[in-house]
Amino acid sequence: MARTHRFSGAASAALACAFAASGIAPASDGAPAVCLVIAAPPSAEALDVIAFDVEATPFALSYIHSVTRTPVVETYGATASGITQTSIAFTEHGPGLPTEGTDGERWERRDGRFVVMMNRAFTTIRMRVHADQQPVLAAAGRSVALAQWGNRALELRSGSCPAPPQ
């Protein structure tokens, strides 16, 4: 059974800012335009599907860094053609976290956190999740505990939602 994860403090503020800044309006016909699939590699079996009712929408991954044991929040946008990472926020540098920006990235300090604003495109995101890191995907009003499928690799991909049966 999936557990509910509540974001606290700076993580909650970062999510609220990311979602509010998106400025996205609902699709006119109310049908889901984009779906985000949580899949099990290498088979690509869908474990969960999140349907968005807008053309492009933000989602966030939050977790506890495995070395620094501090919260990290990554924000993304999902569209029918792929995923774009828009930011990462953390309080302490650690392995795998950015140490300098690349062209077009902007570093800020907000509420004691490092926030890197970016525009990195992906077709899929493959990650290893572990219950100790409390990985959570927040999207479309849902909070999905990613370790509910065990300590393993997961894949995220976005695309057009399949048409409902007629």
N, C-alpha and C. Protein backbone atom coordinates (compact mmCIF):
# COMPACT_ATOMS: atom_id res chain seq x y z
N MET A 1 0.83 -1.18 0.00
CA MET A 1 0.00 0.00 0.00
C MET A 1 0.88 1.25 0.00
N ALA A 2 0.55 2.20 -0.84
CA ALA A 2 1.33 3.43 -0.93
C ALA A 2 1.10 4.29 0.29
N ARG A 3 2.18 4.88 0.79
CA ARG A 3 2.02 5.78 1.92
C ARG A 3 1.95 7.20 1.41
N THR A 4 1.29 8.04 2.14
CA THR A 4 1.18 9.43 1.76
C THR A 4 2.39 10.17 2.32
N HIS A 5 3.00 10.99 1.51
CA HIS A 5 4.16 11.77 1.94
C HIS A 5 3.77 13.23 1.89
N ARG A 6 4.00 13.93 2.96
CA ARG A 6 3.73 15.36 2.99
C ARG A 6 5.04 16.10 2.94
N PHE A 7 5.11 17.09 2.06
CA PHE A 7 6.30 17.90 1.98
C PHE A 7 6.27 18.92 3.10
N SER A 8 7.43 19.25 3.64
CA SER A 8 7.47 20.23 4.71
C SER A 8 8.46 21.33 4.39
N GLY A 9 8.28 22.46 5.04
CA GLY A 9 9.23 23.56 4.97
C GLY A 9 9.57 24.00 3.56
N ALA A 10 10.88 24.07 3.30
CA ALA A 10 11.36 24.59 2.02
C ALA A 10 10.93 23.72 0.84
N ALA A 11 10.83 22.41 1.06
CA ALA A 11 10.40 21.53 -0.05
C ALA A 11 8.98 21.89 -0.47
N SER A 12 8.11 22.12 0.49
CA SER A 12 6.73 22.49 0.18
C SER A 12 6.69 23.84 -0.53
N ALA A 13 7.48 24.79 -0.07
CA ALA A 13 7.52 26.11 -0.70
C ALA A 13 8.04 26.01 -2.13
N ALA A 14 9.06 25.20 -2.35
CA ALA A 14 9.61 25.04 -3.69
C ALA A 14 8.58 24.45 -4.65
N LEU A 15 7.83 23.45 -4.17
CA LEU A 15 6.79 22.85 -5.01
C LEU A 15 5.70 23.87 -5.33
N ALA A 16 5.26 24.60 -4.32
CA ALA A 16 4.20 25.59 -4.53
C ALA A 16 4.63 26.64 -5.53
N CYS A 17 5.87 27.13 -5.42
CA CYS A 17 6.38 28.13 -6.36
C CYS A 17 6.46 27.57 -7.78
N ALA A 18 6.94 26.34 -7.91
CA ALA A 18 7.08 25.73 -9.23
C ALA A 18 5.72 25.59 -9.91
N PHE A 19 4.73 25.14 -9.15
CA PHE A 19 3.41 24.93 -9.74
C PHE A 19 2.74 26.27 -10.05
N ALA A 20 2.85 27.24 -9.16
CA ALA A 20 2.22 28.53 -9.37
C ALA A 20 2.83 29.28 -10.54
N ALA A 21 4.13 29.12 -10.75
CA ALA A 21 4.83 29.84 -11.81
C ALA A 21 4.54 29.29 -13.19
N SER A 22 3.92 28.13 -13.27
CA SER A 22 3.73 27.49 -14.58
C SER A 22 2.77 28.25 -15.47
N GLY A 23 1.74 28.89 -14.90
CA GLY A 23 0.80 29.67 -15.68
C GLY A 23 0.10 28.89 -16.76
N ILE A 24 -0.27 27.67 -16.49
CA ILE A 24 -0.84 26.79 -17.51
C ILE A 24 -2.36 26.75 -17.35
N ALA A 25 -3.06 26.85 -18.45
CA ALA A 25 -4.52 26.81 -18.42
C ALA A 25 -5.02 25.42 -18.77
N PRO A 26 -6.20 25.02 -18.25
CA PRO A 26 -6.73 23.70 -18.56
C PRO A 26 -7.05 23.54 -20.05
N ALA A 27 -7.00 22.32 -20.51
CA ALA A 27 -7.36 22.01 -21.90
C ALA A 27 -8.84 22.33 -22.09
N SER A 28 -9.20 22.74 -23.28
CA SER A 28 -10.56 23.20 -23.52
C SER A 28 -11.60 22.09 -23.46
N ASP A 29 -11.27 20.88 -23.87
CA ASP A 29 -12.28 19.81 -23.88
C ASP A 29 -12.28 18.98 -22.61
N GLY A 30 -11.38 19.26 -21.67
CA GLY A 30 -11.35 18.53 -20.41
C GLY A 30 -10.71 17.15 -20.49
N ALA A 31 -10.34 16.69 -21.69
CA ALA A 31 -9.72 15.37 -21.84
C ALA A 31 -8.24 15.45 -21.48
N PRO A 32 -7.69 14.41 -20.88
CA PRO A 32 -6.26 14.44 -20.58
C PRO A 32 -5.43 14.61 -21.84
N ALA A 33 -4.51 15.57 -21.82
CA ALA A 33 -3.67 15.82 -22.97
C ALA A 33 -2.34 15.09 -22.87
N VAL A 34 -1.83 14.97 -21.65
CA VAL A 34 -0.51 14.39 -21.42
C VAL A 34 -0.61 13.36 -20.31
N CYS A 35 0.10 12.25 -20.49
CA CYS A 35 0.19 11.24 -19.43
C CYS A 35 1.66 11.06 -19.05
N LEU A 36 1.92 10.89 -17.77
CA LEU A 36 3.24 10.58 -17.25
C LEU A 36 3.18 9.13 -16.78
N VAL A 37 4.06 8.30 -17.33
CA VAL A 37 4.07 6.87 -17.03
C VAL A 37 5.24 6.57 -16.11
N ILE A 38 4.97 5.87 -15.01
CA ILE A 38 6.01 5.33 -14.14
C ILE A 38 6.13 3.87 -14.55
N ALA A 39 7.31 3.49 -15.05
CA ALA A 39 7.49 2.16 -15.63
C ALA A 39 8.63 1.40 -14.97
N ALA A 40 8.61 0.09 -15.16
CA ALA A 40 9.63 -0.82 -14.63
C ALA A 40 10.57 -1.23 -15.75
N PRO A 41 11.81 -0.68 -15.75
CA PRO A 41 12.75 -1.14 -16.77
C PRO A 41 13.29 -2.52 -16.42
N PRO A 42 13.75 -3.31 -17.33
CA PRO A 42 13.83 -3.01 -18.75
C PRO A 42 12.56 -3.35 -19.52
N SER A 43 11.56 -3.96 -18.88
CA SER A 43 10.36 -4.39 -19.60
C SER A 43 9.47 -3.23 -20.01
N ALA A 44 9.60 -2.07 -19.36
CA ALA A 44 8.77 -0.89 -19.60
C ALA A 44 7.33 -1.09 -19.17
N GLU A 45 7.08 -2.11 -18.33
CA GLU A 45 5.74 -2.34 -17.79
C GLU A 45 5.29 -1.12 -17.00
N ALA A 46 4.10 -0.61 -17.32
CA ALA A 46 3.56 0.56 -16.62
C ALA A 46 3.13 0.16 -15.21
N LEU A 47 3.69 0.84 -14.22
CA LEU A 47 3.30 0.61 -12.83
C LEU A 47 2.21 1.58 -12.39
N ASP A 48 2.23 2.78 -12.96
CA ASP A 48 1.24 3.80 -12.66
C ASP A 48 1.24 4.78 -13.81
N VAL A 49 0.10 5.42 -14.04
CA VAL A 49 -0.03 6.44 -15.07
C VAL A 49 -0.74 7.63 -14.46
N ILE A 50 -0.17 8.80 -14.66
CA ILE A 50 -0.77 10.04 -14.17
C ILE A 50 -1.22 10.83 -15.38
N ALA A 51 -2.51 11.07 -15.47
CA ALA A 51 -3.07 11.84 -16.59
C ALA A 51 -3.24 13.29 -16.17
N PHE A 52 -2.67 14.19 -16.96
CA PHE A 52 -2.80 15.62 -16.72
C PHE A 52 -3.94 16.14 -17.58
N ASP A 53 -4.67 17.12 -17.08
CA ASP A 53 -5.77 17.68 -17.86
C ASP A 53 -5.35 18.98 -18.56
N VAL A 54 -4.05 19.11 -18.80
CA VAL A 54 -3.53 20.29 -19.50
C VAL A 54 -2.48 19.84 -20.50
N GLU A 55 -2.12 20.72 -21.41
CA GLU A 55 -1.14 20.38 -22.46
C GLU A 55 0.26 20.13 -21.90
N ALA A 56 0.69 20.96 -20.97
CA ALA A 56 2.01 20.78 -20.35
C ALA A 56 1.87 21.14 -18.89
N THR A 57 2.42 20.33 -18.04
CA THR A 57 2.21 20.59 -16.63
C THR A 57 3.44 20.25 -15.80
N PRO A 58 3.64 20.95 -14.69
CA PRO A 58 4.79 20.66 -13.85
C PRO A 58 4.56 19.43 -12.97
N PHE A 59 5.66 18.77 -12.64
CA PHE A 59 5.63 17.74 -11.61
C PHE A 59 6.95 17.83 -10.87
N ALA A 60 7.01 17.21 -9.72
CA ALA A 60 8.21 17.30 -8.90
C ALA A 60 8.61 15.94 -8.35
N LEU A 61 9.91 15.75 -8.24
CA LEU A 61 10.48 14.59 -7.56
C LEU A 61 11.17 15.11 -6.32
N SER A 62 10.85 14.54 -5.18
CA SER A 62 11.55 14.93 -3.95
C SER A 62 12.14 13.68 -3.33
N TYR A 63 13.26 13.85 -2.66
CA TYR A 63 13.92 12.72 -2.02
C TYR A 63 14.93 13.24 -1.02
N ILE A 64 15.42 12.36 -0.18
CA ILE A 64 16.49 12.67 0.76
C ILE A 64 17.79 12.21 0.11
N HIS A 65 18.75 13.12 -0.01
CA HIS A 65 20.03 12.78 -0.65
C HIS A 65 20.70 11.66 0.14
N SER A 66 21.22 10.68 -0.56
CA SER A 66 21.77 9.48 0.09
C SER A 66 23.02 9.75 0.92
N VAL A 67 23.76 10.80 0.63
CA VAL A 67 24.99 11.09 1.37
C VAL A 67 24.77 12.21 2.38
N THR A 68 24.23 13.34 1.93
CA THR A 68 24.06 14.48 2.84
C THR A 68 22.85 14.33 3.75
N ARG A 69 21.92 13.44 3.40
CA ARG A 69 20.69 13.18 4.17
C ARG A 69 19.85 14.45 4.31
N THR A 70 19.88 15.30 3.27
CA THR A 70 19.10 16.53 3.23
C THR A 70 18.13 16.46 2.06
N PRO A 71 17.01 17.21 2.13
CA PRO A 71 16.02 17.13 1.05
C PRO A 71 16.47 17.76 -0.25
N VAL A 72 16.06 17.13 -1.34
CA VAL A 72 16.29 17.63 -2.70
C VAL A 72 14.94 17.64 -3.40
N VAL A 73 14.64 18.72 -4.12
CA VAL A 73 13.41 18.80 -4.91
C VAL A 73 13.80 19.15 -6.33
N GLU A 74 13.40 18.29 -7.27
CA GLU A 74 13.63 18.53 -8.70
C GLU A 74 12.27 18.80 -9.34
N THR A 75 12.17 19.85 -10.16
CA THR A 75 10.91 20.14 -10.84
C THR A 75 11.09 19.95 -12.34
N TYR A 76 10.01 19.51 -12.96
CA TYR A 76 9.99 19.15 -14.37
C TYR A 76 8.69 19.63 -15.00
N GLY A 77 8.67 19.67 -16.32
CA GLY A 77 7.46 19.87 -17.09
C GLY A 77 7.27 18.68 -18.00
N ALA A 78 6.06 18.17 -18.07
CA ALA A 78 5.75 17.04 -18.96
C ALA A 78 4.93 17.54 -20.13
N THR A 79 5.31 17.11 -21.33
CA THR A 79 4.53 17.42 -22.53
C THR A 79 4.36 16.13 -23.31
N ALA A 80 3.58 16.19 -24.36
CA ALA A 80 3.38 15.01 -25.20
C ALA A 80 4.68 14.59 -25.88
N SER A 81 5.66 15.49 -25.98
CA SER A 81 6.90 15.16 -26.67
C SER A 81 8.09 14.89 -25.75
N GLY A 82 7.91 14.99 -24.45
CA GLY A 82 9.02 14.68 -23.54
C GLY A 82 8.94 15.39 -22.21
N ILE A 83 10.06 15.36 -21.49
CA ILE A 83 10.16 15.91 -20.14
C ILE A 83 11.26 16.95 -20.13
N THR A 84 11.00 18.07 -19.45
CA THR A 84 12.01 19.11 -19.31
C THR A 84 12.24 19.38 -17.83
N GLN A 85 13.49 19.26 -17.38
CA GLN A 85 13.81 19.61 -16.00
C GLN A 85 13.94 21.12 -15.93
N THR A 86 13.21 21.73 -14.98
CA THR A 86 13.20 23.19 -14.87
C THR A 86 13.98 23.71 -13.66
N SER A 87 14.16 22.87 -12.63
CA SER A 87 14.95 23.32 -11.48
C SER A 87 15.34 22.14 -10.59
N ILE A 88 16.32 22.41 -9.75
CA ILE A 88 16.69 21.50 -8.67
C ILE A 88 17.02 22.39 -7.47
N ALA A 89 16.55 22.01 -6.29
CA ALA A 89 16.79 22.79 -5.08
C ALA A 89 17.32 21.86 -3.99
N PHE A 90 18.35 22.33 -3.28
CA PHE A 90 18.97 21.52 -2.23
C PHE A 90 19.65 22.45 -1.24
N THR A 91 19.89 21.94 -0.02
CA THR A 91 20.50 22.77 1.02
C THR A 91 22.00 22.56 1.15
N GLU A 92 22.47 21.41 0.71
CA GLU A 92 23.88 21.07 0.90
C GLU A 92 24.40 20.34 -0.33
N HIS A 93 25.58 20.74 -0.80
CA HIS A 93 26.17 20.05 -1.95
C HIS A 93 26.49 18.61 -1.60
N GLY A 94 26.33 17.71 -2.58
CA GLY A 94 26.65 16.31 -2.39
C GLY A 94 26.88 15.65 -3.73
N PRO A 95 27.34 14.40 -3.73
CA PRO A 95 27.58 13.68 -4.98
C PRO A 95 26.33 13.66 -5.86
N GLY A 96 26.52 13.94 -7.13
CA GLY A 96 25.43 13.92 -8.10
C GLY A 96 24.64 15.21 -8.20
N LEU A 97 24.87 16.14 -7.31
CA LEU A 97 24.18 17.43 -7.37
C LEU A 97 25.06 18.42 -8.14
N PRO A 98 24.44 19.39 -8.80
CA PRO A 98 25.23 20.34 -9.60
C PRO A 98 26.18 21.16 -8.72
N THR A 99 27.34 21.45 -9.27
CA THR A 99 28.30 22.30 -8.57
C THR A 99 28.55 23.60 -9.33
N GLU A 100 28.17 23.63 -10.59
CA GLU A 100 28.24 24.84 -11.38
C GLU A 100 27.21 24.75 -12.49
N GLY A 101 26.74 25.89 -12.94
CA GLY A 101 25.74 25.92 -13.99
C GLY A 101 26.35 25.80 -15.37
N THR A 102 25.58 25.27 -16.29
CA THR A 102 25.99 25.26 -17.68
C THR A 102 25.35 26.46 -18.36
N ASP A 103 25.62 26.65 -19.64
CA ASP A 103 25.04 27.78 -20.36
C ASP A 103 23.53 27.80 -20.20
N GLY A 104 23.01 28.96 -19.88
CA GLY A 104 21.56 29.13 -19.75
C GLY A 104 21.00 28.77 -18.39
N GLU A 105 21.80 28.25 -17.48
CA GLU A 105 21.32 27.92 -16.14
C GLU A 105 21.58 29.08 -15.20
N ARG A 106 20.69 29.24 -14.24
CA ARG A 106 20.80 30.34 -13.29
C ARG A 106 20.80 29.79 -11.87
N TRP A 107 21.77 30.19 -11.07
CA TRP A 107 21.88 29.79 -9.67
C TRP A 107 21.33 30.89 -8.79
N GLU A 108 20.58 30.49 -7.75
CA GLU A 108 20.06 31.45 -6.78
C GLU A 108 20.17 30.84 -5.39
N ARG A 109 20.15 31.71 -4.39
CA ARG A 109 20.03 31.26 -3.00
C ARG A 109 18.67 31.75 -2.52
N ARG A 110 17.82 30.80 -2.10
CA ARG A 110 16.47 31.14 -1.61
C ARG A 110 16.23 30.40 -0.31
N ASP A 111 15.94 31.12 0.72
CA ASP A 111 15.59 30.52 2.01
C ASP A 111 16.61 29.47 2.45
N GLY A 112 17.89 29.78 2.27
CA GLY A 112 18.95 28.87 2.70
C GLY A 112 19.17 27.68 1.78
N ARG A 113 18.57 27.69 0.61
CA ARG A 113 18.71 26.58 -0.33
C ARG A 113 19.39 27.07 -1.61
N PHE A 114 20.14 26.19 -2.25
CA PHE A 114 20.65 26.44 -3.58
C PHE A 114 19.54 26.04 -4.55
N VAL A 115 19.22 26.93 -5.49
CA VAL A 115 18.20 26.64 -6.50
C VAL A 115 18.84 26.89 -7.86
N VAL A 116 18.85 25.86 -8.68
CA VAL A 116 19.40 25.97 -10.03
C VAL A 116 18.23 25.91 -11.00
N MET A 117 18.03 27.00 -11.74
CA MET A 117 16.98 27.06 -12.76
C MET A 117 17.60 26.61 -14.08
N MET A 118 16.89 25.75 -14.80
CA MET A 118 17.46 25.17 -16.02
C MET A 118 16.36 24.83 -17.01
N ASN A 119 16.78 24.30 -18.14
CA ASN A 119 15.87 23.87 -19.20
C ASN A 119 16.48 22.65 -19.88
N ARG A 120 16.51 21.52 -19.17
CA ARG A 120 17.15 20.29 -19.67
C ARG A 120 16.08 19.33 -20.18
N ALA A 121 16.19 18.94 -21.45
CA ALA A 121 15.19 18.07 -22.08
C ALA A 121 15.59 16.60 -21.98
N PHE A 122 14.59 15.75 -21.73
CA PHE A 122 14.77 14.30 -21.65
C PHE A 122 13.63 13.61 -22.39
N THR A 123 13.91 12.46 -22.97
CA THR A 123 12.81 11.64 -23.49
C THR A 123 12.29 10.74 -22.37
N THR A 124 13.20 10.25 -21.52
CA THR A 124 12.83 9.46 -20.35
C THR A 124 13.78 9.81 -19.21
N ILE A 125 13.35 9.52 -18.01
CA ILE A 125 14.22 9.66 -16.84
C ILE A 125 14.27 8.29 -16.18
N ARG A 126 15.47 7.76 -16.06
CA ARG A 126 15.65 6.48 -15.38
C ARG A 126 16.35 6.77 -14.07
N MET A 127 15.81 6.23 -12.98
CA MET A 127 16.36 6.48 -11.66
C MET A 127 16.33 5.23 -10.81
N ARG A 128 17.19 5.19 -9.83
CA ARG A 128 17.19 4.11 -8.84
C ARG A 128 16.57 4.67 -7.59
N VAL A 129 15.54 4.00 -7.06
CA VAL A 129 14.88 4.47 -5.84
C VAL A 129 15.16 3.52 -4.69
N HIS A 130 15.20 4.08 -3.49
CA HIS A 130 15.40 3.30 -2.28
C HIS A 130 14.52 3.91 -1.19
N ALA A 131 13.89 3.06 -0.40
CA ALA A 131 12.97 3.52 0.64
C ALA A 131 13.64 4.49 1.61
N ASP A 132 14.92 4.32 1.88
CA ASP A 132 15.62 5.21 2.81
C ASP A 132 15.64 6.66 2.32
N GLN A 133 15.53 6.86 1.02
CA GLN A 133 15.55 8.21 0.45
C GLN A 133 14.17 8.83 0.33
N GLN A 134 13.13 8.09 0.67
CA GLN A 134 11.75 8.59 0.64
C GLN A 134 11.39 9.30 -0.66
N PRO A 135 11.65 8.66 -1.82
CA PRO A 135 11.36 9.34 -3.10
C PRO A 135 9.86 9.45 -3.35
N VAL A 136 9.44 10.66 -3.72
CA VAL A 136 8.03 10.94 -3.96
C VAL A 136 7.90 11.74 -5.25
N LEU A 137 6.92 11.37 -6.07
CA LEU A 137 6.56 12.13 -7.26
C LEU A 137 5.26 12.85 -6.95
N ALA A 138 5.25 14.16 -7.10
CA ALA A 138 4.03 14.95 -6.88
C ALA A 138 3.59 15.51 -8.22
N ALA A 139 2.36 15.16 -8.62
CA ALA A 139 1.85 15.59 -9.92
C ALA A 139 0.34 15.51 -9.95
N ALA A 140 -0.27 16.46 -10.61
CA ALA A 140 -1.71 16.45 -10.86
C ALA A 140 -2.52 16.17 -9.59
N GLY A 141 -2.11 16.78 -8.49
CA GLY A 141 -2.84 16.61 -7.24
C GLY A 141 -2.59 15.29 -6.53
N ARG A 142 -1.66 14.51 -7.04
CA ARG A 142 -1.33 13.22 -6.43
C ARG A 142 0.07 13.23 -5.86
N SER A 143 0.30 12.38 -4.89
CA SER A 143 1.61 12.17 -4.31
C SER A 143 1.88 10.67 -4.37
N VAL A 144 2.89 10.26 -5.14
CA VAL A 144 3.16 8.85 -5.37
C VAL A 144 4.49 8.47 -4.71
N ALA A 145 4.45 7.59 -3.72
CA ALA A 145 5.66 7.09 -3.07
C ALA A 145 6.33 6.11 -4.04
N LEU A 146 7.47 6.48 -4.59
CA LEU A 146 8.11 5.68 -5.64
C LEU A 146 8.73 4.39 -5.13
N ALA A 147 9.02 4.30 -3.84
CA ALA A 147 9.61 3.07 -3.29
C ALA A 147 8.55 2.02 -2.99
N GLN A 148 7.29 2.30 -3.27
CA GLN A 148 6.23 1.31 -3.02
C GLN A 148 6.42 0.05 -3.86
N TRP A 149 7.19 0.14 -4.94
CA TRP A 149 7.46 -1.01 -5.80
C TRP A 149 8.78 -1.68 -5.43
N GLY A 150 9.35 -1.27 -4.31
CA GLY A 150 10.61 -1.85 -3.85
C GLY A 150 11.81 -0.99 -4.22
N ASN A 151 12.96 -1.37 -3.70
CA ASN A 151 14.21 -0.69 -4.00
C ASN A 151 14.68 -1.18 -5.36
N ARG A 152 14.57 -0.32 -6.38
CA ARG A 152 14.77 -0.76 -7.76
C ARG A 152 14.93 0.42 -8.70
N ALA A 153 15.14 0.12 -9.96
CA ALA A 153 15.17 1.15 -11.00
C ALA A 153 13.73 1.42 -11.44
N LEU A 154 13.45 2.68 -11.73
CA LEU A 154 12.17 3.10 -12.31
C LEU A 154 12.46 4.02 -13.47
N GLU A 155 11.47 4.14 -14.34
CA GLU A 155 11.60 5.01 -15.50
C GLU A 155 10.37 5.90 -15.58
N LEU A 156 10.57 7.17 -15.89
CA LEU A 156 9.47 8.10 -16.14
C LEU A 156 9.50 8.49 -17.61
N ARG A 157 8.35 8.50 -18.23
CA ARG A 157 8.26 8.98 -19.61
C ARG A 157 6.89 9.66 -19.77
N SER A 158 6.85 10.65 -20.63
CA SER A 158 5.58 11.33 -20.87
C SER A 158 5.21 11.22 -22.34
N GLY A 159 3.96 11.40 -22.61
CA GLY A 159 3.46 11.35 -23.98
C GLY A 159 1.99 11.63 -24.01
N SER A 160 1.42 11.60 -25.20
CA SER A 160 -0.01 11.80 -25.35
C SER A 160 -0.74 10.65 -24.69
N CYS A 161 -1.82 10.96 -24.01
CA CYS A 161 -2.63 9.91 -23.39
C CYS A 161 -3.36 9.14 -24.48
N PRO A 162 -3.52 7.84 -24.28
CA PRO A 162 -4.29 7.09 -25.26
C PRO A 162 -5.74 7.55 -25.26
N ALA A 163 -6.35 7.51 -26.42
CA ALA A 163 -7.76 7.90 -26.52
C ALA A 163 -8.62 6.91 -25.76
N PRO A 164 -9.64 7.39 -25.04
CA PRO A 164 -10.53 6.46 -24.33
C PRO A 164 -11.30 5.60 -25.33
N PRO A 165 -11.65 4.38 -24.93
CA PRO A 165 -12.42 3.51 -25.83
C PRO A 165 -13.76 4.15 -26.19
N GLN A 166 -14.16 3.98 -27.42
CA GLN A 166 -15.43 4.55 -27.91
C GLN A 166 -16.57 3.60 -27.66
